[in-house]
C-alpha atoms as a PDB file:
ATOM      1  CA  MET A   1      83.535 130.852 101.107  1.00  0.00           C
ATOM      2  CA  LYS A   2      87.073 130.016 100.120  1.00  0.00           C
ATOM      3  CA  THR A   3      88.903 130.735  96.757  1.00  0.00           C
ATOM      4  CA  LYS A   4      89.091 127.231  95.732  1.00  0.00           C
ATOM      5  CA  GLU A   5      85.212 126.834  96.413  1.00  0.00           C
ATOM      6  CA  ILE A   6      84.460 129.988  94.517  1.00  0.00           C
ATOM      7  CA  LEU A   7      86.551 128.659  91.568  1.00  0.00           C
ATOM      8  CA  ALA A   8      85.035 125.340  91.777  1.00  0.00           C
ATOM      9  CA  ARG A   9      81.565 126.797  92.031  1.00  0.00           C
ATOM     10  CA  ALA A  10      82.081 129.052  88.888  1.00  0.00           C
ATOM     11  CA  ARG A  11      83.364 126.015  86.683  1.00  0.00           C
ATOM     12  CA  GLN A  12      80.524 123.858  87.921  1.00  0.00           C
ATOM     13  CA  GLU A  13      78.135 126.483  86.512  1.00  0.00           C
ATOM     14  CA  ASN A  14      80.370 126.687  83.221  1.00  0.00           C
ATOM     15  CA  ARG A  15      81.191 130.645  83.698  1.00  0.00           C
ATOM     16  CA  THR A  16      84.517 132.230  83.505  1.00  0.00           C
ATOM     17  CA  ILE A  17      83.384 135.591  84.878  1.00  0.00           C
ATOM     18  CA  LEU A  18      83.040 136.008  88.680  1.00  0.00           C
ATOM     19  CA  THR A  19      80.782 138.095  90.432  1.00  0.00           C
ATOM     20  CA  GLU A  20      82.077 141.202  92.244  1.00  0.00           C
ATOM     21  CA  ILE A  21      81.198 139.795  95.520  1.00  0.00           C
ATOM     22  CA  GLU A  22      83.255 136.410  94.475  1.00  0.00           C
ATOM     23  CA  ALA A  23      86.111 138.647  93.368  1.00  0.00           C
ATOM     24  CA  LYS A  24      86.471 140.473  96.518  1.00  0.00           C
ATOM     25  CA  GLN A  25      86.204 137.340  98.700  1.00  0.00           C
ATOM     26  CA  ILE A  26      89.109 136.203  96.793  1.00  0.00           C
ATOM     27  CA  LEU A  27      91.038 139.305  97.129  1.00  0.00           C
ATOM     28  CA  MET A  28      90.026 139.725 100.829  1.00  0.00           C
ATOM     29  CA  GLN A  29      91.545 136.241 101.496  1.00  0.00           C
ATOM     30  CA  SER A  30      94.654 137.169  99.716  1.00  0.00           C
ATOM     31  CA  GLY A  31      95.156 139.886 102.412  1.00  0.00           C
ATOM     32  CA  ILE A  32      93.710 142.948  99.890  1.00  0.00           C
ATOM     33  CA  ASN A  33      91.471 145.286 101.364  1.00  0.00           C
ATOM     34  CA  CYS A  34      87.897 145.529 100.158  1.00  0.00           C
ATOM     35  CA  THR A  35      84.922 147.162 100.838  1.00  0.00           C
ATOM     36  CA  ASP A  36      82.516 145.124 102.537  1.00  0.00           C
ATOM     37  CA  THR A  37      80.175 143.779  99.702  1.00  0.00           C
ATOM     38  CA  ARG A  38      77.159 141.467 100.491  1.00  0.00           C
ATOM     39  CA  LEU A  39      74.295 139.741  98.165  1.00  0.00           C
ATOM     40  CA  ALA A  40      70.702 140.744  98.502  1.00  0.00           C
ATOM     41  CA  THR A  41      68.532 138.800  96.399  1.00  0.00           C
ATOM     42  CA  THR A  42      65.544 140.804  97.407  1.00  0.00           C
ATOM     43  CA  LYS A  43      64.407 144.327  98.098  1.00  0.00           C
ATOM     44  CA  ASP A  44      63.770 143.774 101.599  1.00  0.00           C
ATOM     45  CA  ALA A  45      66.988 141.884 102.043  1.00  0.00           C
ATOM     46  CA  ALA A  46      68.907 145.037 100.353  1.00  0.00           C
ATOM     47  CA  VAL A  47      67.132 147.310 103.154  1.00  0.00           C
ATOM     48  CA  LYS A  48      68.475 145.100 105.785  1.00  0.00           C
ATOM     49  CA  LEU A  49      71.694 144.646 104.907  1.00  0.00           C
ATOM     50  CA  SER A  50      72.017 148.612 104.226  1.00  0.00           C
ATOM     51  CA  GLU A  51      70.813 149.069 107.884  1.00  0.00           C
ATOM     52  CA  GLN A  52      73.459 146.289 109.021  1.00  0.00           C
ATOM     53  CA  LEU A  53      76.292 148.004 107.059  1.00  0.00           C
ATOM     54  CA  GLY A  54      75.391 151.772 107.837  1.00  0.00           C
ATOM     55  CA  TYR A  55      74.242 154.270 105.772  1.00  0.00           C
ATOM     56  CA  PRO A  56      75.042 155.903 103.134  1.00  0.00           C
ATOM     57  CA  VAL A  57      75.251 152.731 100.810  1.00  0.00           C
ATOM     58  CA  VAL A  58      75.973 151.577  97.173  1.00  0.00           C
ATOM     59  CA  LEU A  59      73.834 149.304  95.224  1.00  0.00           C
ATOM     60  CA  LYS A  60      75.075 147.490  92.215  1.00  0.00           C
ATOM     61  CA  VAL A  61      73.548 144.848  89.993  1.00  0.00           C
ATOM     62  CA  SER A  62      74.868 141.477  90.531  1.00  0.00           C
ATOM     63  CA  SER A  63      74.886 139.369  87.181  1.00  0.00           C
ATOM     64  CA  VAL A  64      77.864 137.913  85.243  1.00  0.00           C
ATOM     65  CA  ASP A  65      75.925 138.884  82.030  1.00  0.00           C
ATOM     66  CA  ILE A  66      76.180 142.426  82.745  1.00  0.00           C
ATOM     67  CA  THR A  67      79.861 143.514  82.648  1.00  0.00           C
ATOM     68  CA  HIS A  68      79.224 147.321  82.269  1.00  0.00           C
ATOM     69  CA  LYS A  69      77.074 147.952  85.226  1.00  0.00           C
ATOM     70  CA  SER A  70      76.941 151.869  84.975  1.00  0.00           C
ATOM     71  CA  ASP A  71      75.808 151.889  81.503  1.00  0.00           C
ATOM     72  CA  ALA A  72      73.080 149.481  82.191  1.00  0.00           C
ATOM     73  CA  GLY A  73      71.855 151.804  85.082  1.00  0.00           C
ATOM     74  CA  GLY A  74      72.931 149.016  87.421  1.00  0.00           C
ATOM     75  CA  VAL A  75      74.531 151.328  89.896  1.00  0.00           C
ATOM     76  CA  LYS A  76      73.280 153.809  92.673  1.00  0.00           C
ATOM     77  CA  VAL A  77      75.368 155.429  95.119  1.00  0.00           C
ATOM     78  CA  ASN A  78      75.266 157.568  98.437  1.00  0.00           C
ATOM     79  CA  LEU A  79      71.807 156.075  99.562  1.00  0.00           C
ATOM     80  CA  LYS A  80      71.069 157.497 102.606  1.00  0.00           C
ATOM     81  CA  ASN A  81      67.987 155.758 103.984  1.00  0.00           C
ATOM     82  CA  LYS A  82      65.538 152.853 103.382  1.00  0.00           C
ATOM     83  CA  TRP A  83      63.351 154.437 100.628  1.00  0.00           C
ATOM     84  CA  GLU A  84      66.311 155.532  98.799  1.00  0.00           C
ATOM     85  CA  VAL A  85      67.308 151.733  98.986  1.00  0.00           C
ATOM     86  CA  GLU A  86      63.803 150.596  98.048  1.00  0.00           C
ATOM     87  CA  ASN A  87      63.589 153.152  94.874  1.00  0.00           C
ATOM     88  CA  ALA A  88      67.274 152.229  93.943  1.00  0.00           C
ATOM     89  CA  PHE A  89      66.659 148.457  93.983  1.00  0.00           C
ATOM     90  CA  ASP A  90      63.687 149.066  91.771  1.00  0.00           C
ATOM     91  CA  ALA A  91      65.381 151.353  89.383  1.00  0.00           C
ATOM     92  CA  ILE A  92      68.376 149.059  89.117  1.00  0.00           C
ATOM     93  CA  MET A  93      65.995 146.142  88.241  1.00  0.00           C
ATOM     94  CA  ARG A  94      63.927 147.894  85.777  1.00  0.00           C
ATOM     95  CA  SER A  95      66.851 149.649  83.768  1.00  0.00           C
ATOM     96  CA  CYS A  96      69.079 146.446  83.650  1.00  0.00           C
ATOM     97  CA  LYS A  97      66.262 144.052  82.407  1.00  0.00           C
ATOM     98  CA  ALA A  98      65.450 146.598  79.855  1.00  0.00           C
ATOM     99  CA  ALA A  99      69.305 147.246  78.784  1.00  0.00           C
ATOM    100  CA  VAL A 100      70.146 143.387  78.873  1.00  0.00           C
ATOM    101  CA  PRO A 101      67.013 141.655  78.635  1.00  0.00           C
ATOM    102  CA  THR A 102      68.542 138.144  78.496  1.00  0.00           C
ATOM    103  CA  ALA A 103      70.902 138.599  81.758  1.00  0.00           C
ATOM    104  CA  GLU A 104      70.347 136.340  84.742  1.00  0.00           C
ATOM    105  CA  ILE A 105      70.196 138.637  87.452  1.00  0.00           C
ATOM    106  CA  GLU A 106      70.815 137.250  91.083  1.00  0.00           C
ATOM    107  CA  GLY A 107      70.182 140.332  92.880  1.00  0.00           C
ATOM    108  CA  VAL A 108      72.095 143.458  94.105  1.00  0.00           C
ATOM    109  CA  SER A 109      75.392 143.919  95.938  1.00  0.00           C
ATOM    110  CA  VAL A 110      75.199 146.112  98.851  1.00  0.00           C
ATOM    111  CA  GLN A 111      78.432 147.846  99.962  1.00  0.00           C
ATOM    112  CA  VAL A 112      79.080 150.906 102.331  1.00  0.00           C
ATOM    113  CA  MET A 113      79.835 154.108 100.554  1.00  0.00           C
ATOM    114  CA  ALA A 114      83.876 154.384 100.641  1.00  0.00           C
ATOM    115  CA  LYS A 115      84.933 157.838 101.449  1.00  0.00           C
ATOM    116  CA  PRO A 116      86.900 159.309  98.637  1.00  0.00           C
ATOM    117  CA  GLY A 117      90.595 159.130  97.910  1.00  0.00           C
ATOM    118  CA  ILE A 118      93.088 158.976  95.189  1.00  0.00           C
ATOM    119  CA  GLU A 119      91.920 156.972  92.570  1.00  0.00           C
ATOM    120  CA  VAL A 120      94.322 153.899  91.607  1.00  0.00           C
ATOM    121  CA  ILE A 121      94.041 151.142  89.074  1.00  0.00           C
ATOM    122  CA  MET A 122      95.723 147.747  89.910  1.00  0.00           C
ATOM    123  CA  GLY A 123      95.185 144.528  87.731  1.00  0.00           C
ATOM    124  CA  MET A 124      96.614 141.551  85.753  1.00  0.00           C
ATOM    125  CA  ILE A 125      96.637 140.397  82.256  1.00  0.00           C
ATOM    126  CA  LYS A 126      98.152 137.400  80.618  1.00  0.00           C
ATOM    127  CA  ASP A 127     100.387 138.350  77.968  1.00  0.00           C
ATOM    128  CA  PRO A 128     100.946 135.454  75.145  1.00  0.00           C
ATOM    129  CA  SER A 129     104.653 135.774  75.511  1.00  0.00           C
ATOM    130  CA  PHE A 130     105.396 136.846  79.131  1.00  0.00           C
ATOM    131  CA  GLY A 131     102.594 134.891  80.969  1.00  0.00           C
ATOM    132  CA  PRO A 132     100.616 137.111  84.064  1.00  0.00           C
ATOM    133  CA  VAL A 133     101.817 141.027  83.839  1.00  0.00           C
ATOM    134  CA  LEU A 134     100.616 143.258  86.849  1.00  0.00           C
ATOM    135  CA  MET A 135      99.741 146.507  86.214  1.00  0.00           C
ATOM    136  CA  PHE A 136      99.312 149.848  88.283  1.00  0.00           C
ATOM    137  CA  GLY A 137      98.474 153.248  87.560  1.00  0.00           C
ATOM    138  CA  LEU A 138      96.212 156.303  88.559  1.00  0.00           C
ATOM    139  CA  GLY A 139      92.645 155.756  88.017  1.00  0.00           C
ATOM    140  CA  GLY A 140      90.334 157.996  86.131  1.00  0.00           C
ATOM    141  CA  ILE A 141      91.221 160.131  83.229  1.00  0.00           C
ATOM    142  CA  PHE A 142      95.191 159.244  83.902  1.00  0.00           C
ATOM    143  CA  VAL A 143      94.376 155.634  82.995  1.00  0.00           C
ATOM    144  CA  GLU A 144      91.761 156.120  80.222  1.00  0.00           C
ATOM    145  CA  VAL A 145      93.505 159.247  78.343  1.00  0.00           C
ATOM    146  CA  LEU A 146      97.043 159.408  79.314  1.00  0.00           C
ATOM    147  CA  GLN A 147      97.513 155.658  79.691  1.00  0.00           C
ATOM    148  CA  ASP A 148      99.674 156.430  82.656  1.00  0.00           C
ATOM    149  CA  VAL A 149     100.348 152.813  83.746  1.00  0.00           C
ATOM    150  CA  ALA A 150     103.481 150.793  84.806  1.00  0.00           C
ATOM    151  CA  PHE A 151     103.807 147.031  84.239  1.00  0.00           C
ATOM    152  CA  ARG A 152     105.821 143.976  85.758  1.00  0.00           C
ATOM    153  CA  ILE A 153     106.017 140.301  84.989  1.00  0.00           C
ATOM    154  CA  VAL A 154     104.599 137.949  87.867  1.00  0.00           C
ATOM    155  CA  PRO A 155     105.879 137.283  90.454  1.00  0.00           C
ATOM    156  CA  ILE A 156     107.309 140.569  91.575  1.00  0.00           C
ATOM    157  CA  GLU A 157     109.338 141.628  94.560  1.00  0.00           C
ATOM    158  CA  LYS A 158     109.321 144.793  96.806  1.00  0.00           C
ATOM    159  CA  SER A 159     111.804 146.668  94.730  1.00  0.00           C
ATOM    160  CA  ASP A 160     109.516 146.000  91.726  1.00  0.00           C
ATOM    161  CA  ALA A 161     106.586 147.054  93.614  1.00  0.00           C
ATOM    162  CA  GLU A 162     108.303 150.240  94.514  1.00  0.00           C
ATOM    163  CA  ASP A 163     109.570 150.963  90.832  1.00  0.00           C
ATOM    164  CA  MET A 164     105.983 150.582  89.786  1.00  0.00           C
ATOM    165  CA  ILE A 165     104.703 153.162  91.619  1.00  0.00           C
ATOM    166  CA  ASN A 166     107.653 155.412  91.301  1.00  0.00           C
ATOM    167  CA  GLU A 167     107.563 155.306  87.103  1.00  0.00           C
ATOM    168  CA  ILE A 168     103.892 156.358  86.623  1.00  0.00           C
ATOM    169  CA  LYS A 169     103.881 160.309  85.660  1.00  0.00           C
ATOM    170  CA  GLY A 170     101.250 161.097  88.229  1.00  0.00           C
ATOM    171  CA  ARG A 171     103.516 160.102  91.072  1.00  0.00           C
ATOM    172  CA  LYS A 172     103.344 163.426  92.582  1.00  0.00           C
ATOM    173  CA  LEU A 173      99.471 163.160  93.040  1.00  0.00           C
ATOM    174  CA  LEU A 174     100.466 160.173  95.384  1.00  0.00           C
ATOM    175  CA  GLU A 175     102.906 162.316  97.327  1.00  0.00           C
ATOM    176  CA  GLY A 176     100.137 165.201  98.088  1.00  0.00           C
ATOM    177  CA  TYR A 177      99.709 167.418  95.237  1.00  0.00           C
ATOM    178  CA  ARG A 178      98.674 171.172  96.155  1.00  0.00           C
ATOM    179  CA  GLY A 179      97.652 170.420  99.620  1.00  0.00           C
ATOM    180  CA  GLN A 180      95.883 167.094  99.084  1.00  0.00           C
ATOM    181  CA  GLU A 181      96.729 164.271 101.485  1.00  0.00           C
ATOM    182  CA  PRO A 182      99.494 161.863 100.370  1.00  0.00           C
ATOM    183  CA  ALA A 183      98.740 158.384  99.563  1.00  0.00           C
ATOM    184  CA  ASP A 184      99.681 155.441 101.788  1.00  0.00           C
ATOM    185  CA  VAL A 185     102.466 154.278  99.279  1.00  0.00           C
ATOM    186  CA  ALA A 186     103.803 151.453 101.644  1.00  0.00           C
ATOM    187  CA  CYS A 187     100.304 150.128 101.559  1.00  0.00           C
ATOM    188  CA  LEU A 188     100.097 150.186  97.787  1.00  0.00           C
ATOM    189  CA  GLN A 189     103.206 148.378  97.487  1.00  0.00           C
ATOM    190  CA  GLN A 190     101.926 145.749  99.883  1.00  0.00           C
ATOM    191  CA  MET A 191      98.906 145.313  97.596  1.00  0.00           C
ATOM    192  CA  LEU A 192     100.810 144.812  94.573  1.00  0.00           C
ATOM    193  CA  LEU A 193     102.951 142.122  96.542  1.00  0.00           C
ATOM    194  CA  LYS A 194      99.853 140.300  97.650  1.00  0.00           C
ATOM    195  CA  LEU A 195      98.101 140.671  93.957  1.00  0.00           C
ATOM    196  CA  SER A 196     101.289 139.087  92.709  1.00  0.00           C
ATOM    197  CA  ASP A 197     101.288 136.181  95.062  1.00  0.00           C
ATOM    198  CA  LEU A 198      97.472 135.476  94.249  1.00  0.00           C
ATOM    199  CA  VAL A 199      98.151 135.384  90.558  1.00  0.00           C
ATOM    200  CA  ASN A 200     101.271 133.362  91.061  1.00  0.00           C
ATOM    201  CA  THR A 201      99.485 130.614  93.232  1.00  0.00           C
ATOM    202  CA  THR A 202      96.065 130.682  91.341  1.00  0.00           C
ATOM    203  CA  PRO A 203      97.053 129.849  87.612  1.00  0.00           C
ATOM    204  CA  GLU A 204      93.164 129.541  86.821  1.00  0.00           C
ATOM    205  CA  ILE A 205      92.694 133.286  86.967  1.00  0.00           C
ATOM    206  CA  GLU A 206      93.097 135.270  83.557  1.00  0.00           C
ATOM    207  CA  GLU A 207      92.547 138.466  84.454  1.00  0.00           C
ATOM    208  CA  ILE A 208      92.172 140.778  87.395  1.00  0.00           C
ATOM    209  CA  ASP A 209      90.735 144.409  87.539  1.00  0.00           C
ATOM    210  CA  MET A 210      90.495 146.379  90.513  1.00  0.00           C
ATOM    211  CA  ASN A 211      89.362 149.650  89.593  1.00  0.00           C
ATOM    212  CA  PRO A 212      89.018 151.912  91.357  1.00  0.00           C
ATOM    213  CA  VAL A 213      91.025 151.514  94.567  1.00  0.00           C
ATOM    214  CA  PHE A 214      90.983 154.736  96.761  1.00  0.00           C
ATOM    215  CA  ALA A 215      94.288 155.240  98.461  1.00  0.00           C
ATOM    216  CA  TYR A 216      94.103 157.213 101.727  1.00  0.00           C
ATOM    217  CA  LYS A 217      96.969 158.770 104.015  1.00  0.00           C
ATOM    218  CA  ASP A 218      96.551 155.468 106.251  1.00  0.00           C
ATOM    219  CA  GLY A 219      95.600 152.665 103.800  1.00  0.00           C
ATOM    220  CA  ALA A 220      93.725 151.701 100.788  1.00  0.00           C
ATOM    221  CA  VAL A 221      90.441 150.002  99.784  1.00  0.00           C
ATOM    222  CA  VAL A 222      89.317 148.152  96.451  1.00  0.00           C
ATOM    223  CA  VAL A 223      85.911 149.943  95.757  1.00  0.00           C
ATOM    224  CA  ASP A 224      85.419 147.610  92.624  1.00  0.00           C
ATOM    225  CA  ALA A 225      86.807 144.531  91.246  1.00  0.00           C
ATOM    226  CA  ARG A 226      86.377 142.100  88.337  1.00  0.00           C
ATOM    227  CA  ILE A 227      87.966 138.559  88.099  1.00  0.00           C
ATOM    228  CA  ILE A 228      88.061 136.327  84.491  1.00  0.00           C
ATOM    229  CA  LEU A 229      88.849 132.696  84.787  1.00  0.00           C
ATOM    230  CA  SER A 230      90.759 130.945  81.838  1.00  0.00           C
ATOM    231  CA  THR A 231      88.596 128.801  79.629  1.00  0.00           C
ATOM    232  CA  ALA A 232      90.891 125.710  80.015  1.00  0.00           C
END
């Protein structure tokens, strides 16, 4: 489904929060690499998709009413076979219905378990004074505790993307700290530029959260994503 169609459907359904699948579809259409994520509305469909994508897989609850999936017990990772997928599907449904009884659950998203990489966060928020602002930083504890992030007003140019990455205190981790593989910084720069283009051409988007993004020595992939639309 194309970006305009996704946005139109959300408006028609009177919602401002997109599902993870919808968010990733929009990002992919903008040239931003995301994990292949598909919707399964039944347990049998979850198994079938898992076998198509290849184990191990991740199952996540798909509901615009459940923002914090992990807190609701809506995420199961590293599922290696049919039986684990079936058990995970049942556990997700049971836990999420107990945690958020009023939530409308359309099913689960099924995605390949991405190989670990350096965790990065990217996103966009709208500042009341400056408008859309891009954010970049290292994920995990660095963004939660140290708030090690850089910001730039949209639209950005290549030099802005370079500066954002160079500004963060944890820059050395991207260069290959203590024997770790370095991150593909050029790829991260391109992702920021594509994110800027998406934001600049889609004013309906109020907020984007790509967290985590796994950065590798030869590319990067968005593992989880959230997009919120403006109310107007």
